[in-house]
Amino acid sequence: MNIYWLGAGLFPLDWEFCFFTVSEYKEKIIEKRESNPEYFDMKTGGMDKLFALIDQRVTFALNNFREELKGYSDELRCPAMITPIPRGDNSNGADFIIILKRDEDGDTAVYSPYPISYLEN
């Protein structure tokens, strides 16, 4: 997992309105599946598998966030956010990143299964 911390002198991701909360994203996935359930399930492995992966990533992100901020406020400004990211391989598929924003000063942690060169120092 690639983890990027934005803040502490860098610009935090301060565009909450651009991303879905995890629950909003799941609702959109359910709507998307309804248009072609067989194809959706073939590409994703099914709703249960996809939602379990999302929940696993959110849990990892929240645990890491709390561990990194041990001794400081780890309260979130908003619920965990999520956005798709292209895999960049032959599947032409997408994965997703998890974004957590700290309430106190807006520091942002981005958890991505793929490197995001734009966010690297």
Protein backbone atom coordinates (compact mmCIF):
# COMPACT_ATOMS: atom_id res chain seq x y z
CA MET A 1 0.00 0.00 0.00
CA ASN A 2 1.35 3.44 -0.92
CA ILE A 3 0.64 5.99 1.79
CA TYR A 4 0.89 9.73 1.21
CA TRP A 5 0.63 12.32 4.00
CA LEU A 6 -0.32 15.78 2.81
CA GLY A 7 -0.05 18.61 5.25
CA ALA A 8 2.65 19.73 7.64
CA GLY A 9 3.83 22.37 5.21
CA LEU A 10 2.42 20.71 2.08
CA PHE A 11 -1.01 21.49 0.76
CA PRO A 12 -3.60 19.07 2.16
CA LEU A 13 -6.26 17.75 -0.20
CA ASP A 14 -8.94 20.24 0.68
CA TRP A 15 -11.54 19.24 -1.86
CA GLU A 16 -13.86 16.98 0.08
CA PHE A 17 -16.65 17.78 -2.36
CA CYS A 18 -14.74 16.03 -5.17
CA PHE A 19 -14.74 12.60 -3.55
CA PHE A 20 -17.43 10.16 -2.46
CA THR A 21 -17.74 8.95 1.10
CA VAL A 22 -17.40 5.18 1.24
CA SER A 23 -21.17 4.75 1.74
CA GLU A 24 -21.92 7.05 -1.25
CA TYR A 25 -19.45 5.07 -3.39
CA LYS A 26 -21.08 1.79 -2.43
CA GLU A 27 -24.49 3.20 -3.40
CA LYS A 28 -23.08 4.19 -6.82
CA ILE A 29 -21.62 0.70 -7.25
CA ILE A 30 -25.03 -0.85 -6.52
CA GLU A 31 -26.63 1.43 -9.12
CA LYS A 32 -23.90 0.59 -11.65
CA ARG A 33 -24.34 -3.13 -11.13
CA GLU A 34 -28.07 -2.90 -11.86
CA SER A 35 -27.37 -1.88 -15.48
CA ASN A 36 -25.54 -5.16 -16.27
CA PRO A 37 -25.24 -7.55 -13.31
CA GLU A 38 -23.55 -10.43 -15.15
CA TYR A 39 -20.79 -8.26 -16.63
CA PHE A 40 -20.32 -6.37 -13.36
CA ASP A 41 -19.96 -9.58 -11.37
CA MET A 42 -17.56 -11.04 -13.93
CA LYS A 43 -15.29 -7.96 -13.75
CA THR A 44 -15.45 -7.43 -9.97
CA GLY A 45 -16.03 -10.88 -8.51
CA GLY A 46 -19.40 -9.77 -7.16
CA MET A 47 -20.70 -7.24 -4.68
CA ASP A 48 -19.73 -9.19 -1.56
CA LYS A 49 -16.12 -9.55 -2.69
CA LEU A 50 -15.86 -5.92 -3.80
CA PHE A 51 -17.44 -4.51 -0.64
CA ALA A 52 -15.21 -6.76 1.52
CA LEU A 53 -12.13 -5.38 -0.26
CA ILE A 54 -13.32 -1.80 0.26
CA ASP A 55 -14.02 -2.46 3.94
CA GLN A 56 -10.61 -4.12 4.35
CA ARG A 57 -8.84 -1.10 2.83
CA VAL A 58 -10.82 1.37 4.95
CA THR A 59 -9.99 -0.61 8.09
CA PHE A 60 -6.30 -0.67 7.17
CA ALA A 61 -6.33 3.07 6.48
CA LEU A 62 -8.12 3.95 9.72
CA ASN A 63 -5.80 1.75 11.79
CA ASN A 64 -2.71 3.24 10.14
CA PHE A 65 -4.08 6.78 10.52
CA ARG A 66 -4.68 6.27 14.24
CA GLU A 67 -1.27 4.67 14.74
CA GLU A 68 0.55 7.48 12.91
CA LEU A 69 -1.28 10.12 14.94
CA LYS A 70 -0.86 8.41 18.30
CA GLY A 71 -0.56 11.18 20.84
CA TYR A 72 -2.34 13.68 18.57
CA SER A 73 -5.95 14.17 17.60
CA ASP A 74 -6.95 11.53 15.06
CA GLU A 75 -10.52 12.75 14.70
CA LEU A 76 -11.71 12.85 11.09
CA ARG A 77 -13.16 16.01 9.56
CA CYS A 78 -15.50 13.91 7.41
CA PRO A 79 -16.15 10.20 6.85
CA ALA A 80 -13.51 8.21 4.97
CA MET A 81 -13.53 9.16 1.29
CA ILE A 82 -12.87 7.00 -1.76
CA THR A 83 -12.21 7.55 -5.44
CA PRO A 84 -11.39 5.25 -8.36
CA ILE A 85 -7.89 5.01 -9.82
CA PRO A 86 -6.94 3.19 -13.06
CA ARG A 87 -4.97 -0.01 -12.56
CA GLY A 88 -2.78 0.75 -15.55
CA ASP A 89 -2.61 -2.86 -16.69
CA ASN A 90 -4.15 -5.11 -19.37
CA SER A 91 -7.42 -5.44 -17.46
CA ASN A 92 -8.37 -1.83 -18.23
CA GLY A 93 -9.93 -1.95 -14.79
CA ALA A 94 -9.93 0.40 -11.88
CA ASP A 95 -9.12 0.11 -8.23
CA PHE A 96 -9.68 2.75 -5.58
CA ILE A 97 -7.87 4.91 -3.09
CA ILE A 98 -8.95 5.77 0.45
CA ILE A 99 -8.61 9.34 1.68
CA LEU A 100 -8.72 10.38 5.34
CA LYS A 101 -8.75 14.00 6.44
CA ARG A 102 -7.77 15.02 9.95
CA ASP A 103 -10.22 17.41 11.58
CA GLU A 104 -7.76 19.48 13.60
CA ASP A 105 -5.63 20.89 10.78
CA GLY A 106 -6.85 19.19 7.63
CA ASP A 107 -3.80 16.96 7.18
CA THR A 108 -4.74 14.35 4.63
CA ALA A 109 -3.65 10.72 4.26
CA VAL A 110 -4.09 8.99 0.90
CA TYR A 111 -3.92 5.19 0.73
CA SER A 112 -3.39 3.83 -2.77
CA PRO A 113 -2.62 0.34 -4.08
CA TYR A 114 -0.58 2.04 -6.85
CA PRO A 115 2.02 4.80 -6.72
CA ILE A 116 0.67 8.29 -7.40
CA SER A 117 3.67 10.26 -8.65
CA TYR A 118 1.81 13.56 -8.26
CA LEU A 119 1.68 13.03 -4.49
CA GLU A 120 5.29 11.95 -4.04
CA ASN A 121 7.77 14.41 -2.55
